[in-house]
Amino acid sequence: NYPRAMDFFVQSLKIYKEIDDKMGIANTYLNIGSIYRLQANYNKALEY
């Protein structure tokens, strides 16, 4: 359920950015990238 997953990843990323948690931001970027990879959007996956 990639749209639902992305909703939660975006929420998580927003919080991690607010508290400046670099490791949390990095882990969230990795998960967002994996959603794009699973959807064969390789350019966006590489970006994240």
ModelCIF file with pLDDT and N, C-alpha, C, O atoms, coordinates in Angstrom:
data_MODEL
#
_entry.id   MODEL 
#
_entity.id                         1 
_entity.type                       polymer 
_entity.pdbx_number_of_molecules   1 
#
_entity_poly.entity_id                      1 
_entity_poly.type                           'polypeptide(L)' 
_entity_poly.nstd_linkage                   no 
_entity_poly.nstd_monomer                   no 
_entity_poly.pdbx_seq_one_letter_code       NYPRAMDFFVQSLKIYKEIDDKMGIANTYLNIGSIYRLQANYNKALEY 
_entity_poly.pdbx_seq_one_letter_code_can   NYPRAMDFFVQSLKIYKEIDDKMGIANTYLNIGSIYRLQANYNKALEY 
_entity_poly.pdbx_strand_id                 A 
#
loop_
_entity_poly_seq.entity_id 
_entity_poly_seq.num 
_entity_poly_seq.mon_id 
_entity_poly_seq.hetero 
1 1  ASN n 
1 2  TYR n 
1 3  PRO n 
1 4  ARG n 
1 5  ALA n 
1 6  MET n 
1 7  ASP n 
1 8  PHE n 
1 9  PHE n 
1 10 VAL n 
1 11 GLN n 
1 12 SER n 
1 13 LEU n 
1 14 LYS n 
1 15 ILE n 
1 16 TYR n 
1 17 LYS n 
1 18 GLU n 
1 19 ILE n 
1 20 ASP n 
1 21 ASP n 
1 22 LYS n 
1 23 MET n 
1 24 GLY n 
1 25 ILE n 
1 26 ALA n 
1 27 ASN n 
1 28 THR n 
1 29 TYR n 
1 30 LEU n 
1 31 ASN n 
1 32 ILE n 
1 33 GLY n 
1 34 SER n 
1 35 ILE n 
1 36 TYR n 
1 37 ARG n 
1 38 LEU n 
1 39 GLN n 
1 40 ALA n 
1 41 ASN n 
1 42 TYR n 
1 43 ASN n 
1 44 LYS n 
1 45 ALA n 
1 46 LEU n 
1 47 GLU n 
1 48 TYR n 
#
_struct_asym.id          A 
_struct_asym.entity_id   1 
#
loop_
_ma_qa_metric.id 
_ma_qa_metric.mode 
_ma_qa_metric.name 
_ma_qa_metric.software_group_id 
_ma_qa_metric.type 
1 global pLDDT . pLDDT 
2 local  pLDDT . pLDDT 
#
_ma_qa_metric_global.metric_id      1 
_ma_qa_metric_global.metric_value   97.56 
_ma_qa_metric_global.model_id       1 
_ma_qa_metric_global.ordinal_id     1 
#
loop_
_ma_qa_metric_local.label_asym_id 
_ma_qa_metric_local.label_comp_id 
_ma_qa_metric_local.label_seq_id 
_ma_qa_metric_local.metric_id 
_ma_qa_metric_local.metric_value 
_ma_qa_metric_local.model_id 
_ma_qa_metric_local.ordinal_id 
A ASN 1  2 97.00 1 1  
A TYR 2  2 98.00 1 2  
A PRO 3  2 97.00 1 3  
A ARG 4  2 98.00 1 4  
A ALA 5  2 98.00 1 5  
A MET 6  2 98.00 1 6  
A ASP 7  2 98.00 1 7  
A PHE 8  2 98.00 1 8  
A PHE 9  2 98.00 1 9  
A VAL 10 2 98.00 1 10 
A GLN 11 2 98.00 1 11 
A SER 12 2 98.00 1 12 
A LEU 13 2 98.00 1 13 
A LYS 14 2 98.00 1 14 
A ILE 15 2 98.00 1 15 
A TYR 16 2 98.00 1 16 
A LYS 17 2 98.00 1 17 
A GLU 18 2 97.00 1 18 
A ILE 19 2 97.00 1 19 
A ASP 20 2 97.00 1 20 
A ASP 21 2 97.00 1 21 
A LYS 22 2 97.00 1 22 
A MET 23 2 96.00 1 23 
A GLY 24 2 97.00 1 24 
A ILE 25 2 98.00 1 25 
A ALA 26 2 97.00 1 26 
A ASN 27 2 97.00 1 27 
A THR 28 2 98.00 1 28 
A TYR 29 2 98.00 1 29 
A LEU 30 2 98.00 1 30 
A ASN 31 2 98.00 1 31 
A ILE 32 2 98.00 1 32 
A GLY 33 2 98.00 1 33 
A SER 34 2 97.00 1 34 
A ILE 35 2 98.00 1 35 
A TYR 36 2 98.00 1 36 
A ARG 37 2 97.00 1 37 
A LEU 38 2 97.00 1 38 
A GLN 39 2 96.00 1 39 
A ALA 40 2 97.00 1 40 
A ASN 41 2 97.00 1 41 
A TYR 42 2 98.00 1 42 
A ASN 43 2 98.00 1 43 
A LYS 44 2 97.00 1 44 
A ALA 45 2 97.00 1 45 
A LEU 46 2 98.00 1 46 
A GLU 47 2 98.00 1 47 
A TYR 48 2 98.00 1 48 
#
loop_
_atom_site.group_PDB 
_atom_site.id 
_atom_site.type_symbol 
_atom_site.label_atom_id 
_atom_site.label_alt_id 
_atom_site.label_comp_id 
_atom_site.label_asym_id 
_atom_site.label_entity_id 
_atom_site.label_seq_id 
_atom_site.pdbx_PDB_ins_code 
_atom_site.Cartn_x 
_atom_site.Cartn_y 
_atom_site.Cartn_z 
_atom_site.occupancy 
_atom_site.B_iso_or_equiv 
_atom_site.pdbx_formal_charge 
_atom_site.auth_seq_id 
_atom_site.auth_comp_id 
_atom_site.auth_asym_id 
_atom_site.auth_atom_id 
_atom_site.pdbx_PDB_model_num 
ATOM 1   N N  . ASN A 1 1  ? 0.860  -1.179 0.000   1.00 97.00 ? 1  ASN A N  1 
ATOM 2   C CA . ASN A 1 1  ? 0.000  0.000  0.000   1.00 97.00 ? 1  ASN A CA 1 
ATOM 3   C C  . ASN A 1 1  ? 0.901  1.235  0.000   1.00 97.00 ? 1  ASN A C  1 
ATOM 4   O O  . ASN A 1 1  ? 1.069  1.895  1.025   1.00 97.00 ? 1  ASN A O  1 
ATOM 5   N N  . TYR A 1 2  ? 1.474  1.533  -1.158  1.00 98.00 ? 2  TYR A N  1 
ATOM 6   C CA . TYR A 1 2  ? 2.487  2.578  -1.264  1.00 98.00 ? 2  TYR A CA 1 
ATOM 7   C C  . TYR A 1 2  ? 1.966  3.984  -0.983  1.00 98.00 ? 2  TYR A C  1 
ATOM 8   O O  . TYR A 1 2  ? 2.679  4.770  -0.357  1.00 98.00 ? 2  TYR A O  1 
ATOM 9   N N  . PRO A 1 3  ? 0.751  4.339  -1.418  1.00 97.00 ? 3  PRO A N  1 
ATOM 10  C CA . PRO A 1 3  ? 0.268  5.679  -1.068  1.00 97.00 ? 3  PRO A CA 1 
ATOM 11  C C  . PRO A 1 3  ? 0.122  5.881  0.445   1.00 97.00 ? 3  PRO A C  1 
ATOM 12  O O  . PRO A 1 3  ? 0.476  6.933  0.977   1.00 97.00 ? 3  PRO A O  1 
ATOM 13  N N  . ARG A 1 4  ? -0.400 4.865  1.122   1.00 98.00 ? 4  ARG A N  1 
ATOM 14  C CA . ARG A 1 4  ? -0.569 4.969  2.591   1.00 98.00 ? 4  ARG A CA 1 
ATOM 15  C C  . ARG A 1 4  ? 0.808  5.017  3.270   1.00 98.00 ? 4  ARG A C  1 
ATOM 16  O O  . ARG A 1 4  ? 1.019  5.791  4.203   1.00 98.00 ? 4  ARG A O  1 
ATOM 17  N N  . ALA A 1 5  ? 1.732  4.188  2.795   1.00 98.00 ? 5  ALA A N  1 
ATOM 18  C CA . ALA A 1 5  ? 3.094  4.199  3.338   1.00 98.00 ? 5  ALA A CA 1 
ATOM 19  C C  . ALA A 1 5  ? 3.721  5.576  3.173   1.00 98.00 ? 5  ALA A C  1 
ATOM 20  O O  . ALA A 1 5  ? 4.321  6.112  4.104   1.00 98.00 ? 5  ALA A O  1 
ATOM 21  N N  . MET A 1 6  ? 3.574  6.145  1.974   1.00 98.00 ? 6  MET A N  1 
ATOM 22  C CA . MET A 1 6  ? 4.167  7.454  1.701   1.00 98.00 ? 6  MET A CA 1 
ATOM 23  C C  . MET A 1 6  ? 3.581  8.519  2.615   1.00 98.00 ? 6  MET A C  1 
ATOM 24  O O  . MET A 1 6  ? 4.304  9.409  3.065   1.00 98.00 ? 6  MET A O  1 
ATOM 25  N N  . ASP A 1 7  ? 2.281  8.445  2.900   1.00 98.00 ? 7  ASP A N  1 
ATOM 26  C CA . ASP A 1 7  ? 1.663  9.402  3.831   1.00 98.00 ? 7  ASP A CA 1 
ATOM 27  C C  . ASP A 1 7  ? 2.373  9.378  5.181   1.00 98.00 ? 7  ASP A C  1 
ATOM 28  O O  . ASP A 1 7  ? 2.691  10.426 5.743   1.00 98.00 ? 7  ASP A O  1 
ATOM 29  N N  . PHE A 1 8  ? 2.617  8.179  5.693   1.00 98.00 ? 8  PHE A N  1 
ATOM 30  C CA . PHE A 1 8  ? 3.280  8.058  6.998   1.00 98.00 ? 8  PHE A CA 1 
ATOM 31  C C  . PHE A 1 8  ? 4.748  8.483  6.927   1.00 98.00 ? 8  PHE A C  1 
ATOM 32  O O  . PHE A 1 8  ? 5.265  9.086  7.868   1.00 98.00 ? 8  PHE A O  1 
ATOM 33  N N  . PHE A 1 9  ? 5.416  8.174  5.824   1.00 98.00 ? 9  PHE A N  1 
ATOM 34  C CA . PHE A 1 9  ? 6.814  8.589  5.687   1.00 98.00 ? 9  PHE A CA 1 
ATOM 35  C C  . PHE A 1 9  ? 6.930  10.110 5.636   1.00 98.00 ? 9  PHE A C  1 
ATOM 36  O O  . PHE A 1 9  ? 7.850  10.681 6.222   1.00 98.00 ? 9  PHE A O  1 
ATOM 37  N N  . VAL A 1 10 ? 6.007  10.767 4.944   1.00 98.00 ? 10 VAL A N  1 
ATOM 38  C CA . VAL A 1 10 ? 6.033  12.226 4.865   1.00 98.00 ? 10 VAL A CA 1 
ATOM 39  C C  . VAL A 1 10 ? 5.787  12.833 6.248   1.00 98.00 ? 10 VAL A C  1 
ATOM 40  O O  . VAL A 1 10 ? 6.446  13.801 6.627   1.00 98.00 ? 10 VAL A O  1 
ATOM 41  N N  . GLN A 1 11 ? 4.837  12.266 7.001   1.00 98.00 ? 11 GLN A N  1 
ATOM 42  C CA . GLN A 1 11 ? 4.582  12.739 8.370   1.00 98.00 ? 11 GLN A CA 1 
ATOM 43  C C  . GLN A 1 11 ? 5.834  12.580 9.238   1.00 98.00 ? 11 GLN A C  1 
ATOM 44  O O  . GLN A 1 11 ? 6.217  13.488 9.976   1.00 98.00 ? 11 GLN A O  1 
ATOM 45  N N  . SER A 1 12 ? 6.455  11.415 9.132   1.00 98.00 ? 12 SER A N  1 
ATOM 46  C CA . SER A 1 12 ? 7.652  11.131 9.918   1.00 98.00 ? 12 SER A CA 1 
ATOM 47  C C  . SER A 1 12 ? 8.778  12.089 9.543   1.00 98.00 ? 12 SER A C  1 
ATOM 48  O O  . SER A 1 12 ? 9.447  12.636 10.420  1.00 98.00 ? 12 SER A O  1 
ATOM 49  N N  . LEU A 1 13 ? 8.987  12.292 8.245   1.00 98.00 ? 13 LEU A N  1 
ATOM 50  C CA . LEU A 1 13 ? 10.048 13.186 7.774   1.00 98.00 ? 13 LEU A CA 1 
ATOM 51  C C  . LEU A 1 13 ? 9.852  14.594 8.313   1.00 98.00 ? 13 LEU A C  1 
ATOM 52  O O  . LEU A 1 13 ? 10.809 15.242 8.738   1.00 98.00 ? 13 LEU A O  1 
ATOM 53  N N  . LYS A 1 14 ? 8.611  15.065 8.295   1.00 98.00 ? 14 LYS A N  1 
ATOM 54  C CA . LYS A 1 14 ? 8.317  16.412 8.797   1.00 98.00 ? 14 LYS A CA 1 
ATOM 55  C C  . LYS A 1 14 ? 8.738  16.534 10.261  1.00 98.00 ? 14 LYS A C  1 
ATOM 56  O O  . LYS A 1 14 ? 9.358  17.524 10.648  1.00 98.00 ? 14 LYS A O  1 
ATOM 57  N N  . ILE A 1 15 ? 8.407  15.541 11.064  1.00 98.00 ? 15 ILE A N  1 
ATOM 58  C CA . ILE A 1 15 ? 8.758  15.585 12.489  1.00 98.00 ? 15 ILE A CA 1 
ATOM 59  C C  . ILE A 1 15 ? 10.270 15.520 12.662  1.00 98.00 ? 15 ILE A C  1 
ATOM 60  O O  . ILE A 1 15 ? 10.845 16.305 13.416  1.00 98.00 ? 15 ILE A O  1 
ATOM 61  N N  . TYR A 1 16 ? 10.915 14.588 11.967  1.00 98.00 ? 16 TYR A N  1 
ATOM 62  C CA . TYR A 1 16 ? 12.368 14.478 12.098  1.00 98.00 ? 16 TYR A CA 1 
ATOM 63  C C  . TYR A 1 16 ? 13.070 15.766 11.695  1.00 98.00 ? 16 TYR A C  1 
ATOM 64  O O  . TYR A 1 16 ? 14.066 16.146 12.310  1.00 98.00 ? 16 TYR A O  1 
ATOM 65  N N  . LYS A 1 17 ? 12.557 16.446 10.663  1.00 98.00 ? 17 LYS A N  1 
ATOM 66  C CA . LYS A 1 17 ? 13.154 17.725 10.257  1.00 98.00 ? 17 LYS A CA 1 
ATOM 67  C C  . LYS A 1 17 ? 12.934 18.788 11.322  1.00 98.00 ? 17 LYS A C  1 
ATOM 68  O O  . LYS A 1 17 ? 13.828 19.588 11.599  1.00 98.00 ? 17 LYS A O  1 
ATOM 69  N N  . GLU A 1 18 ? 11.740 18.800 11.926  1.00 97.00 ? 18 GLU A N  1 
ATOM 70  C CA . GLU A 1 18 ? 11.436 19.779 12.975  1.00 97.00 ? 18 GLU A CA 1 
ATOM 71  C C  . GLU A 1 18 ? 12.376 19.650 14.161  1.00 97.00 ? 18 GLU A C  1 
ATOM 72  O O  . GLU A 1 18 ? 12.766 20.651 14.762  1.00 97.00 ? 18 GLU A O  1 
ATOM 73  N N  . ILE A 1 19 ? 12.741 18.412 14.499  1.00 97.00 ? 19 ILE A N  1 
ATOM 74  C CA . ILE A 1 19 ? 13.625 18.220 15.664  1.00 97.00 ? 19 ILE A CA 1 
ATOM 75  C C  . ILE A 1 19 ? 15.082 18.050 15.245  1.00 97.00 ? 19 ILE A C  1 
ATOM 76  O O  . ILE A 1 19 ? 15.949 17.807 16.085  1.00 97.00 ? 19 ILE A O  1 
ATOM 77  N N  . ASP A 1 20 ? 15.350 18.177 13.951  1.00 97.00 ? 20 ASP A N  1 
ATOM 78  C CA . ASP A 1 20 ? 16.696 18.084 13.378  1.00 97.00 ? 20 ASP A CA 1 
ATOM 79  C C  . ASP A 1 20 ? 17.396 16.774 13.759  1.00 97.00 ? 20 ASP A C  1 
ATOM 80  O O  . ASP A 1 20 ? 18.553 16.770 14.181  1.00 97.00 ? 20 ASP A O  1 
ATOM 81  N N  . ASP A 1 21 ? 16.671 15.673 13.601  1.00 97.00 ? 21 ASP A N  1 
ATOM 82  C CA . ASP A 1 21 ? 17.216 14.337 13.865  1.00 97.00 ? 21 ASP A CA 1 
ATOM 83  C C  . ASP A 1 21 ? 17.753 13.788 12.548  1.00 97.00 ? 21 ASP A C  1 
ATOM 84  O O  . ASP A 1 21 ? 17.006 13.243 11.736  1.00 97.00 ? 21 ASP A O  1 
ATOM 85  N N  . LYS A 1 22 ? 19.050 13.941 12.352  1.00 97.00 ? 22 LYS A N  1 
ATOM 86  C CA . LYS A 1 22 ? 19.678 13.580 11.069  1.00 97.00 ? 22 LYS A CA 1 
ATOM 87  C C  . LYS A 1 22 ? 19.499 12.097 10.735  1.00 97.00 ? 22 LYS A C  1 
ATOM 88  O O  . LYS A 1 22 ? 19.196 11.757 9.592   1.00 97.00 ? 22 LYS A O  1 
ATOM 89  N N  . MET A 1 23 ? 19.679 11.228 11.703  1.00 96.00 ? 23 MET A N  1 
ATOM 90  C CA . MET A 1 23 ? 19.543 9.798  11.439  1.00 96.00 ? 23 MET A CA 1 
ATOM 91  C C  . MET A 1 23 ? 18.096 9.457  11.076  1.00 96.00 ? 23 MET A C  1 
ATOM 92  O O  . MET A 1 23 ? 17.853 8.654  10.175  1.00 96.00 ? 23 MET A O  1 
ATOM 93  N N  . GLY A 1 24 ? 17.151 10.058 11.769  1.00 97.00 ? 24 GLY A N  1 
ATOM 94  C CA . GLY A 1 24 ? 15.747 9.847  11.438  1.00 97.00 ? 24 GLY A CA 1 
ATOM 95  C C  . GLY A 1 24 ? 15.415 10.344 10.040  1.00 97.00 ? 24 GLY A C  1 
ATOM 96  O O  . GLY A 1 24 ? 14.690 9.681  9.298   1.00 97.00 ? 24 GLY A O  1 
ATOM 97  N N  . ILE A 1 25 ? 15.940 11.505 9.677   1.00 98.00 ? 25 ILE A N  1 
ATOM 98  C CA . ILE A 1 25 ? 15.733 12.042 8.331   1.00 98.00 ? 25 ILE A CA 1 
ATOM 99  C C  . ILE A 1 25 ? 16.315 11.085 7.300   1.00 98.00 ? 25 ILE A C  1 
ATOM 100 O O  . ILE A 1 25 ? 15.668 10.770 6.301   1.00 98.00 ? 25 ILE A O  1 
ATOM 101 N N  . ALA A 1 26 ? 17.540 10.624 7.546   1.00 97.00 ? 26 ALA A N  1 
ATOM 102 C CA . ALA A 1 26 ? 18.196 9.714  6.603   1.00 97.00 ? 26 ALA A CA 1 
ATOM 103 C C  . ALA A 1 26 ? 17.399 8.424  6.427   1.00 97.00 ? 26 ALA A C  1 
ATOM 104 O O  . ALA A 1 26 ? 17.201 7.965  5.302   1.00 97.00 ? 26 ALA A O  1 
ATOM 105 N N  . ASN A 1 27 ? 16.945 7.844  7.525   1.00 97.00 ? 27 ASN A N  1 
ATOM 106 C CA . ASN A 1 27 ? 16.170 6.599  7.446   1.00 97.00 ? 27 ASN A CA 1 
ATOM 107 C C  . ASN A 1 27 ? 14.856 6.801  6.701   1.00 97.00 ? 27 ASN A C  1 
ATOM 108 O O  . ASN A 1 27 ? 14.404 5.923  5.966   1.00 97.00 ? 27 ASN A O  1 
ATOM 109 N N  . THR A 1 28 ? 14.253 7.965  6.899   1.00 98.00 ? 28 THR A N  1 
ATOM 110 C CA . THR A 1 28 ? 12.997 8.246  6.206   1.00 98.00 ? 28 THR A CA 1 
ATOM 111 C C  . THR A 1 28 ? 13.243 8.442  4.713   1.00 98.00 ? 28 THR A C  1 
ATOM 112 O O  . THR A 1 28 ? 12.465 7.964  3.888   1.00 98.00 ? 28 THR A O  1 
ATOM 113 N N  . TYR A 1 29 ? 14.318 9.141  4.363   1.00 98.00 ? 29 TYR A N  1 
ATOM 114 C CA . TYR A 1 29 ? 14.681 9.279  2.947   1.00 98.00 ? 29 TYR A CA 1 
ATOM 115 C C  . TYR A 1 29 ? 14.868 7.901  2.300   1.00 98.00 ? 29 TYR A C  1 
ATOM 116 O O  . TYR A 1 29 ? 14.429 7.670  1.174   1.00 98.00 ? 29 TYR A O  1 
ATOM 117 N N  . LEU A 1 30 ? 15.511 7.011  3.013   1.00 98.00 ? 30 LEU A N  1 
ATOM 118 C CA . LEU A 1 30 ? 15.735 5.659  2.499   1.00 98.00 ? 30 LEU A CA 1 
ATOM 119 C C  . LEU A 1 30 ? 14.404 4.956  2.214   1.00 98.00 ? 30 LEU A C  1 
ATOM 120 O O  . LEU A 1 30 ? 14.243 4.315  1.176   1.00 98.00 ? 30 LEU A O  1 
ATOM 121 N N  . ASN A 1 31 ? 13.461 5.082  3.138   1.00 98.00 ? 31 ASN A N  1 
ATOM 122 C CA . ASN A 1 31 ? 12.149 4.457  2.948   1.00 98.00 ? 31 ASN A CA 1 
ATOM 123 C C  . ASN A 1 31 ? 11.362 5.106  1.818   1.00 98.00 ? 31 ASN A C  1 
ATOM 124 O O  . ASN A 1 31 ? 10.694 4.413  1.050   1.00 98.00 ? 31 ASN A O  1 
ATOM 125 N N  . ILE A 1 32 ? 11.433 6.425  1.709   1.00 98.00 ? 32 ILE A N  1 
ATOM 126 C CA . ILE A 1 32 ? 10.759 7.107  0.598   1.00 98.00 ? 32 ILE A CA 1 
ATOM 127 C C  . ILE A 1 32 ? 11.380 6.664  -0.727  1.00 98.00 ? 32 ILE A C  1 
ATOM 128 O O  . ILE A 1 32 ? 10.666 6.403  -1.695  1.00 98.00 ? 32 ILE A O  1 
ATOM 129 N N  . GLY A 1 33 ? 12.711 6.580  -0.766  1.00 98.00 ? 33 GLY A N  1 
ATOM 130 C CA . GLY A 1 33 ? 13.383 6.103  -1.976  1.00 98.00 ? 33 GLY A CA 1 
ATOM 131 C C  . GLY A 1 33 ? 12.952 4.703  -2.349  1.00 98.00 ? 33 GLY A C  1 
ATOM 132 O O  . GLY A 1 33 ? 12.797 4.392  -3.530  1.00 98.00 ? 33 GLY A O  1 
ATOM 133 N N  . SER A 1 34 ? 12.757 3.858  -1.357  1.00 97.00 ? 34 SER A N  1 
ATOM 134 C CA . SER A 1 34 ? 12.352 2.479  -1.648  1.00 97.00 ? 34 SER A CA 1 
ATOM 135 C C  . SER A 1 34 ? 10.936 2.418  -2.221  1.00 97.00 ? 34 SER A C  1 
ATOM 136 O O  . SER A 1 34 ? 10.641 1.545  -3.037  1.00 97.00 ? 34 SER A O  1 
ATOM 137 N N  . ILE A 1 35 ? 10.058 3.333  -1.803  1.00 98.00 ? 35 ILE A N  1 
ATOM 138 C CA . ILE A 1 35 ? 8.707  3.384  -2.379  1.00 98.00 ? 35 ILE A CA 1 
ATOM 139 C C  . ILE A 1 35 ? 8.810  3.728  -3.869  1.00 98.00 ? 35 ILE A C  1 
ATOM 140 O O  . ILE A 1 35 ? 8.174  3.093  -4.710  1.00 98.00 ? 35 ILE A O  1 
ATOM 141 N N  . TYR A 1 36 ? 9.618  4.740  -4.177  1.00 98.00 ? 36 TYR A N  1 
ATOM 142 C CA . TYR A 1 36 ? 9.777  5.110  -5.589  1.00 98.00 ? 36 TYR A CA 1 
ATOM 143 C C  . TYR A 1 36 ? 10.406 3.967  -6.392  1.00 98.00 ? 36 TYR A C  1 
ATOM 144 O O  . TYR A 1 36 ? 10.030 3.730  -7.540  1.00 98.00 ? 36 TYR A O  1 
ATOM 145 N N  . ARG A 1 37 ? 11.366 3.261  -5.782  1.00 97.00 ? 37 ARG A N  1 
ATOM 146 C CA . ARG A 1 37 ? 11.991 2.130  -6.479  1.00 97.00 ? 37 ARG A CA 1 
ATOM 147 C C  . ARG A 1 37 ? 10.973 1.033  -6.750  1.00 97.00 ? 37 ARG A C  1 
ATOM 148 O O  . ARG A 1 37 ? 10.933 0.468  -7.843  1.00 97.00 ? 37 ARG A O  1 
ATOM 149 N N  . LEU A 1 38 ? 10.157 0.737  -5.758  1.00 97.00 ? 38 LEU A N  1 
ATOM 150 C CA . LEU A 1 38 ? 9.132  -0.298 -5.922  1.00 97.00 ? 38 LEU A CA 1 
ATOM 151 C C  . LEU A 1 38 ? 8.092  0.075  -6.975  1.00 97.00 ? 38 LEU A C  1 
ATOM 152 O O  . LEU A 1 38 ? 7.443  -0.797 -7.553  1.00 97.00 ? 38 LEU A O  1 
ATOM 153 N N  . GLN A 1 39 ? 7.940  1.358  -7.215  1.00 96.00 ? 39 GLN A N  1 
ATOM 154 C CA . GLN A 1 39 ? 6.999  1.827  -8.236  1.00 96.00 ? 39 GLN A CA 1 
ATOM 155 C C  . GLN A 1 39 ? 7.702  2.064  -9.580  1.00 96.00 ? 39 GLN A C  1 
ATOM 156 O O  . GLN A 1 39 ? 7.109  2.613  -10.509 1.00 96.00 ? 39 GLN A O  1 
ATOM 157 N N  . ALA A 1 40 ? 8.963  1.647  -9.672  1.00 97.00 ? 40 ALA A N  1 
ATOM 158 C CA . ALA A 1 40 ? 9.784  1.786  -10.889 1.00 97.00 ? 40 ALA A CA 1 
ATOM 159 C C  . ALA A 1 40 ? 10.018 3.244  -11.280 1.00 97.00 ? 40 ALA A C  1 
ATOM 160 O O  . ALA A 1 40 ? 10.242 3.542  -12.453 1.00 97.00 ? 40 ALA A O  1 
ATOM 161 N N  . ASN A 1 41 ? 9.968  4.150  -10.310 1.00 97.00 ? 41 ASN A N  1 
ATOM 162 C CA . ASN A 1 41 ? 10.308 5.549  -10.547 1.00 97.00 ? 41 ASN A CA 1 
ATOM 163 C C  . ASN A 1 41 ? 11.756 5.735  -10.086 1.00 97.00 ? 41 ASN A C  1 
ATOM 164 O O  . ASN A 1 41 ? 12.023 6.290  -9.020  1.00 97.00 ? 41 ASN A O  1 
ATOM 165 N N  . TYR A 1 42 ? 12.669 5.260  -10.912 1.00 98.00 ? 42 TYR A N  1 
ATOM 166 C CA . TYR A 1 42 ? 14.066 5.145  -10.506 1.00 98.00 ? 42 TYR A CA 1 
ATOM 167 C C  . TYR A 1 42 ? 14.756 6.490  -10.323 1.00 98.00 ? 42 TYR A C  1 
ATOM 168 O O  . TYR A 1 42 ? 15.652 6.609  -9.487  1.00 98.00 ? 42 TYR A O  1 
ATOM 169 N N  . ASN A 1 43 ? 14.362 7.497  -11.078 1.00 98.00 ? 43 ASN A N  1 
ATOM 170 C CA . ASN A 1 43 ? 14.981 8.815  -10.903 1.00 98.00 ? 43 ASN A CA 1 
ATOM 171 C C  . ASN A 1 43 ? 14.653 9.387  -9.534  1.00 98.00 ? 43 ASN A C  1 
ATOM 172 O O  . ASN A 1 43 ? 15.531 9.914  -8.850  1.00 98.00 ? 43 ASN A O  1 
ATOM 173 N N  . LYS A 1 44 ? 13.385 9.284  -9.131  1.00 97.00 ? 44 LYS A N  1 
ATOM 174 C CA . LYS A 1 44 ? 13.000 9.768  -7.796  1.00 97.00 ? 44 LYS A CA 1 
ATOM 175 C C  . LYS A 1 44 ? 13.633 8.902  -6.705  1.00 97.00 ? 44 LYS A C  1 
ATOM 176 O O  . LYS A 1 44 ? 14.048 9.412  -5.664  1.00 97.00 ? 44 LYS A O  1 
ATOM 177 N N  . ALA A 1 45 ? 13.704 7.606  -6.945  1.00 97.00 ? 45 ALA A N  1 
ATOM 178 C CA . ALA A 1 45 ? 14.338 6.719  -5.966  1.00 97.00 ? 45 ALA A CA 1 
ATOM 179 C C  . ALA A 1 45 ? 15.791 7.143  -5.748  1.00 97.00 ? 45 ALA A C  1 
ATOM 180 O O  . ALA A 1 45 ? 16.247 7.263  -4.611  1.00 97.00 ? 45 ALA A O  1 
ATOM 181 N N  . LEU A 1 46 ? 16.513 7.369  -6.851  1.00 98.00 ? 46 LEU A N  1 
ATOM 182 C CA . LEU A 1 46 ? 17.914 7.795  -6.731  1.00 98.00 ? 46 LEU A CA 1 
ATOM 183 C C  . LEU A 1 46 ? 18.037 9.130  -6.017  1.00 98.00 ? 46 LEU A C  1 
ATOM 184 O O  . LEU A 1 46 ? 18.966 9.338  -5.236  1.00 98.00 ? 46 LEU A O  1 
ATOM 185 N N  . GLU A 1 47 ? 17.106 10.032 -6.280  1.00 98.00 ? 47 GLU A N  1 
ATOM 186 C CA . GLU A 1 47 ? 17.130 11.340 -5.616  1.00 98.00 ? 47 GLU A CA 1 
ATOM 187 C C  . GLU A 1 47 ? 17.109 11.166 -4.094  1.00 98.00 ? 47 GLU A C  1 
ATOM 188 O O  . GLU A 1 47 ? 17.879 11.804 -3.376  1.00 98.00 ? 47 GLU A O  1 
ATOM 189 N N  . TYR A 1 48 ? 16.223 10.297 -3.616  1.00 98.00 ? 48 TYR A N  1 
ATOM 190 C CA . TYR A 1 48 ? 16.107 10.097 -2.166  1.00 98.00 ? 48 TYR A CA 1 
ATOM 191 C C  . TYR A 1 48 ? 17.246 9.242  -1.620  1.00 98.00 ? 48 TYR A C  1 
ATOM 192 O O  . TYR A 1 48 ? 17.299 8.978  -0.419  1.00 98.00 ? 48 TYR A O  1 
#
